[in-house]
C-alpha cells in the first residue's frame, strides 16, 4: 500500500468510523490538523480512542500510549507516515 493509498483509506475510515456524515474524503486536506479546535477536523478525545482502534484493526499498527498518539495524530499525512514507518519496521 502506498502512502497515498493509506491517506485515502484513512479519510474514508475516519468518516465512516467516526460517523462524520457531513463530509466526504475529498473535503479532507491531508495536512489539516485532526484535533485542532479552530480548524481541521476538530476531533475530540473520544474520537482519538476510536481512531486508535481503527488504525490497529485496519492497518495492524498499535499505538502504545498518549504520547505516541499525539505524534501520530497530527494530520492524515502524519498518521499515514506513522503507519508506514511501523509497517516497515523503521
N, C-alpha and C. Protein backbone atom coordinates (compact mmCIF):
# COMPACT_ATOMS: atom_id res chain seq x y z
N UNK A 1 0.84 -1.17 0.00
CA UNK A 1 0.00 0.00 0.00
C UNK A 1 0.89 1.25 0.00
N UNK A 2 0.61 2.17 -0.89
CA UNK A 2 1.39 3.40 -0.95
C UNK A 2 0.90 4.40 0.11
N UNK A 3 1.68 5.42 0.33
CA UNK A 3 1.29 6.46 1.28
C UNK A 3 -0.03 7.11 0.84
N UNK A 4 -0.17 7.37 -0.44
CA UNK A 4 -1.41 7.96 -0.95
C UNK A 4 -2.60 7.03 -0.71
N UNK A 5 -2.40 5.74 -0.91
CA UNK A 5 -3.46 4.75 -0.65
C UNK A 5 -3.87 4.78 0.83
N UNK A 6 -2.88 4.86 1.70
CA UNK A 6 -3.15 4.89 3.14
C UNK A 6 -3.91 6.16 3.50
N UNK A 7 -3.48 7.30 2.96
CA UNK A 7 -4.17 8.57 3.23
C UNK A 7 -5.63 8.49 2.80
N UNK A 8 -5.87 7.99 1.59
CA UNK A 8 -7.25 7.88 1.09
C UNK A 8 -8.07 6.92 1.94
N UNK A 9 -7.47 5.81 2.32
CA UNK A 9 -8.15 4.85 3.17
C UNK A 9 -8.47 5.45 4.54
N UNK A 10 -7.52 6.18 5.11
CA UNK A 10 -7.74 6.83 6.40
C UNK A 10 -8.90 7.81 6.34
N UNK A 11 -8.97 8.59 5.29
CA UNK A 11 -10.06 9.55 5.15
C UNK A 11 -11.41 8.85 5.18
N UNK A 12 -11.52 7.78 4.41
CA UNK A 12 -12.77 7.02 4.35
C UNK A 12 -13.07 6.37 5.70
N UNK A 13 -12.06 5.78 6.32
CA UNK A 13 -12.25 5.11 7.61
C UNK A 13 -12.64 6.09 8.70
N UNK A 14 -12.05 7.27 8.69
CA UNK A 14 -12.40 8.29 9.69
C UNK A 14 -13.84 8.73 9.50
N UNK A 15 -14.23 8.97 8.27
CA UNK A 15 -15.60 9.41 8.01
C UNK A 15 -16.61 8.35 8.45
N UNK A 16 -16.37 7.10 8.07
CA UNK A 16 -17.33 6.04 8.43
C UNK A 16 -17.22 5.65 9.91
N UNK A 17 -15.99 5.49 10.38
CA UNK A 17 -15.77 5.04 11.76
C UNK A 17 -16.20 6.05 12.80
N UNK A 18 -16.04 7.33 12.50
CA UNK A 18 -16.41 8.38 13.45
C UNK A 18 -17.75 9.02 13.11
N UNK A 19 -18.40 8.45 12.11
CA UNK A 19 -19.73 8.92 11.70
C UNK A 19 -19.76 10.41 11.39
N UNK A 20 -18.85 10.84 10.53
CA UNK A 20 -18.79 12.24 10.09
C UNK A 20 -19.57 12.35 8.78
N UNK A 21 -20.86 12.26 8.87
CA UNK A 21 -21.72 12.15 7.70
C UNK A 21 -21.77 13.39 6.82
N UNK A 22 -21.34 14.53 7.34
CA UNK A 22 -21.47 15.77 6.59
C UNK A 22 -20.25 16.11 5.73
N UNK A 23 -19.26 15.22 5.68
CA UNK A 23 -18.08 15.47 4.85
C UNK A 23 -17.76 14.26 3.98
N UNK A 24 -16.97 14.50 2.94
CA UNK A 24 -16.52 13.44 2.04
C UNK A 24 -14.99 13.36 2.12
N UNK A 25 -14.40 12.28 1.64
CA UNK A 25 -12.94 12.19 1.64
C UNK A 25 -12.29 13.37 0.90
N UNK A 26 -12.94 13.84 -0.14
CA UNK A 26 -12.39 14.96 -0.91
C UNK A 26 -12.37 16.26 -0.11
N UNK A 27 -13.21 16.35 0.92
CA UNK A 27 -13.26 17.54 1.77
C UNK A 27 -12.09 17.62 2.74
N UNK A 28 -11.39 16.51 2.93
CA UNK A 28 -10.34 16.45 3.94
C UNK A 28 -8.98 16.68 3.30
N UNK A 29 -8.33 17.75 3.71
CA UNK A 29 -6.95 18.04 3.29
C UNK A 29 -6.03 17.17 4.15
N UNK A 30 -5.13 16.46 3.54
CA UNK A 30 -4.25 15.54 4.28
C UNK A 30 -3.36 16.24 5.29
N UNK A 31 -3.17 17.54 5.16
CA UNK A 31 -2.30 18.28 6.08
C UNK A 31 -3.05 19.01 7.19
N UNK A 32 -4.38 18.98 7.16
CA UNK A 32 -5.15 19.65 8.22
C UNK A 32 -4.99 18.93 9.55
N UNK A 33 -4.89 19.67 10.64
CA UNK A 33 -4.81 19.04 11.96
C UNK A 33 -6.07 18.23 12.25
N UNK A 34 -5.90 17.10 12.89
CA UNK A 34 -7.04 16.26 13.22
C UNK A 34 -7.78 16.77 14.46
N UNK A 35 -7.04 17.33 15.43
CA UNK A 35 -7.63 17.66 16.72
C UNK A 35 -7.61 19.14 17.06
N UNK A 36 -7.29 20.00 16.14
CA UNK A 36 -7.28 21.44 16.38
C UNK A 36 -8.71 21.94 16.57
N UNK A 37 -8.94 22.76 17.57
CA UNK A 37 -10.30 23.25 17.84
C UNK A 37 -10.70 24.42 16.96
N UNK A 38 -9.75 24.99 16.24
CA UNK A 38 -10.04 26.14 15.39
C UNK A 38 -10.19 25.78 13.91
N UNK A 39 -9.50 24.73 13.50
CA UNK A 39 -9.53 24.34 12.09
C UNK A 39 -9.35 22.83 12.00
N UNK A 40 -9.34 22.33 10.81
CA UNK A 40 -9.16 20.89 10.64
C UNK A 40 -10.43 20.12 10.94
N UNK A 41 -10.28 18.88 11.34
CA UNK A 41 -11.44 18.02 11.59
C UNK A 41 -12.07 18.23 12.97
N UNK A 42 -11.35 18.86 13.87
CA UNK A 42 -11.85 19.17 15.22
C UNK A 42 -12.33 17.93 15.96
N UNK A 43 -11.56 16.86 15.88
CA UNK A 43 -11.90 15.64 16.59
C UNK A 43 -11.64 15.84 18.08
N UNK A 44 -12.28 15.01 18.91
CA UNK A 44 -12.10 15.13 20.36
C UNK A 44 -11.47 13.86 20.93
N UNK A 45 -11.35 13.79 22.25
CA UNK A 45 -10.65 12.67 22.88
C UNK A 45 -11.36 11.33 22.66
N UNK A 46 -12.68 11.34 22.60
CA UNK A 46 -13.39 10.09 22.30
C UNK A 46 -13.10 9.63 20.87
N UNK A 47 -13.00 10.59 19.96
CA UNK A 47 -12.64 10.25 18.59
C UNK A 47 -11.23 9.66 18.54
N UNK A 48 -10.33 10.16 19.39
CA UNK A 48 -8.96 9.64 19.42
C UNK A 48 -8.95 8.16 19.79
N UNK A 49 -9.76 7.80 20.78
CA UNK A 49 -9.84 6.39 21.19
C UNK A 49 -10.34 5.53 20.04
N UNK A 50 -11.39 6.00 19.38
CA UNK A 50 -11.92 5.25 18.24
C UNK A 50 -10.91 5.16 17.11
N UNK A 51 -10.16 6.24 16.91
CA UNK A 51 -9.16 6.25 15.85
C UNK A 51 -8.03 5.27 16.13
N UNK A 52 -7.64 5.13 17.39
CA UNK A 52 -6.63 4.13 17.76
C UNK A 52 -7.12 2.73 17.36
N UNK A 53 -8.37 2.44 17.66
CA UNK A 53 -8.95 1.13 17.33
C UNK A 53 -8.97 0.92 15.81
N UNK A 54 -9.37 1.96 15.08
CA UNK A 54 -9.41 1.87 13.62
C UNK A 54 -8.04 1.57 13.05
N UNK A 55 -7.03 2.28 13.51
CA UNK A 55 -5.66 2.10 13.00
C UNK A 55 -5.16 0.69 13.31
N UNK A 56 -5.41 0.24 14.54
CA UNK A 56 -4.95 -1.10 14.91
C UNK A 56 -5.67 -2.17 14.10
N UNK A 57 -6.98 -2.02 13.93
CA UNK A 57 -7.76 -3.03 13.22
C UNK A 57 -7.45 -3.05 11.73
N UNK A 58 -7.42 -1.89 11.10
CA UNK A 58 -7.30 -1.82 9.65
C UNK A 58 -5.86 -1.94 9.15
N UNK A 59 -4.90 -1.48 9.95
CA UNK A 59 -3.50 -1.44 9.47
C UNK A 59 -2.56 -2.31 10.30
N UNK A 60 -3.06 -2.91 11.38
CA UNK A 60 -2.23 -3.78 12.20
C UNK A 60 -1.12 -3.04 12.93
N UNK A 61 -1.36 -1.76 13.21
CA UNK A 61 -0.36 -0.93 13.85
C UNK A 61 -0.88 -0.49 15.21
N UNK A 62 -0.14 -0.81 16.27
CA UNK A 62 -0.54 -0.43 17.62
C UNK A 62 -0.02 0.96 17.96
N UNK A 63 -0.81 1.69 18.71
CA UNK A 63 -0.40 2.99 19.24
C UNK A 63 -0.33 2.80 20.75
N UNK A 64 0.90 2.82 21.26
CA UNK A 64 1.17 2.35 22.62
C UNK A 64 0.64 3.25 23.73
N UNK A 65 0.72 4.56 23.55
CA UNK A 65 0.34 5.45 24.64
C UNK A 65 -0.07 6.83 24.10
N UNK A 66 -0.42 7.72 25.02
CA UNK A 66 -0.90 9.05 24.63
C UNK A 66 0.17 9.85 23.90
N UNK A 67 1.41 9.73 24.30
CA UNK A 67 2.48 10.48 23.63
C UNK A 67 2.64 10.00 22.18
N UNK A 68 2.60 8.71 21.98
CA UNK A 68 2.69 8.16 20.63
C UNK A 68 1.49 8.60 19.80
N UNK A 69 0.31 8.63 20.41
CA UNK A 69 -0.89 9.08 19.71
C UNK A 69 -0.76 10.54 19.30
N UNK A 70 -0.25 11.39 20.19
CA UNK A 70 -0.06 12.81 19.85
C UNK A 70 0.86 12.97 18.64
N UNK A 71 1.90 12.17 18.58
CA UNK A 71 2.82 12.23 17.45
C UNK A 71 2.17 11.72 16.17
N UNK A 72 1.39 10.66 16.28
CA UNK A 72 0.79 10.04 15.09
C UNK A 72 -0.39 10.83 14.55
N UNK A 73 -1.17 11.45 15.43
CA UNK A 73 -2.43 12.06 15.04
C UNK A 73 -2.32 13.55 14.70
N UNK A 74 -1.21 13.96 14.14
CA UNK A 74 -1.07 15.37 13.76
C UNK A 74 -1.98 15.72 12.59
N UNK A 75 -2.06 14.83 11.62
CA UNK A 75 -2.84 15.04 10.39
C UNK A 75 -2.99 13.68 9.71
N UNK A 76 -3.75 13.65 8.65
CA UNK A 76 -3.88 12.41 7.87
C UNK A 76 -2.50 12.01 7.33
N UNK A 77 -1.77 12.97 6.81
CA UNK A 77 -0.43 12.69 6.26
C UNK A 77 0.50 12.19 7.36
N UNK A 78 0.45 12.82 8.52
CA UNK A 78 1.28 12.39 9.64
C UNK A 78 0.93 10.98 10.10
N UNK A 79 -0.35 10.68 10.12
CA UNK A 79 -0.78 9.34 10.51
C UNK A 79 -0.37 8.30 9.47
N UNK A 80 -0.45 8.66 8.20
CA UNK A 80 -0.01 7.74 7.14
C UNK A 80 1.49 7.47 7.27
N UNK A 81 2.27 8.50 7.57
CA UNK A 81 3.71 8.32 7.79
C UNK A 81 3.97 7.39 8.97
N UNK A 82 3.23 7.60 10.05
CA UNK A 82 3.36 6.76 11.24
C UNK A 82 3.06 5.30 10.89
N UNK A 83 1.97 5.06 10.19
CA UNK A 83 1.58 3.70 9.82
C UNK A 83 2.64 3.06 8.94
N UNK A 84 3.10 3.78 7.93
CA UNK A 84 4.15 3.25 7.05
C UNK A 84 5.41 2.90 7.81
N UNK A 85 5.82 3.76 8.73
CA UNK A 85 7.06 3.51 9.49
C UNK A 85 6.92 2.28 10.37
N UNK A 86 5.74 2.05 10.91
CA UNK A 86 5.51 0.89 11.77
C UNK A 86 5.35 -0.38 10.96
N UNK A 87 4.76 -0.29 9.78
CA UNK A 87 4.58 -1.48 8.94
C UNK A 87 5.90 -1.95 8.36
N UNK A 88 6.80 -1.02 8.12
CA UNK A 88 8.10 -1.40 7.54
C UNK A 88 9.16 -1.62 8.62
N UNK A 89 8.79 -1.38 9.88
CA UNK A 89 9.71 -1.64 10.97
C UNK A 89 10.74 -0.56 11.21
N UNK A 90 10.55 0.63 10.62
CA UNK A 90 11.51 1.73 10.82
C UNK A 90 11.23 2.48 12.08
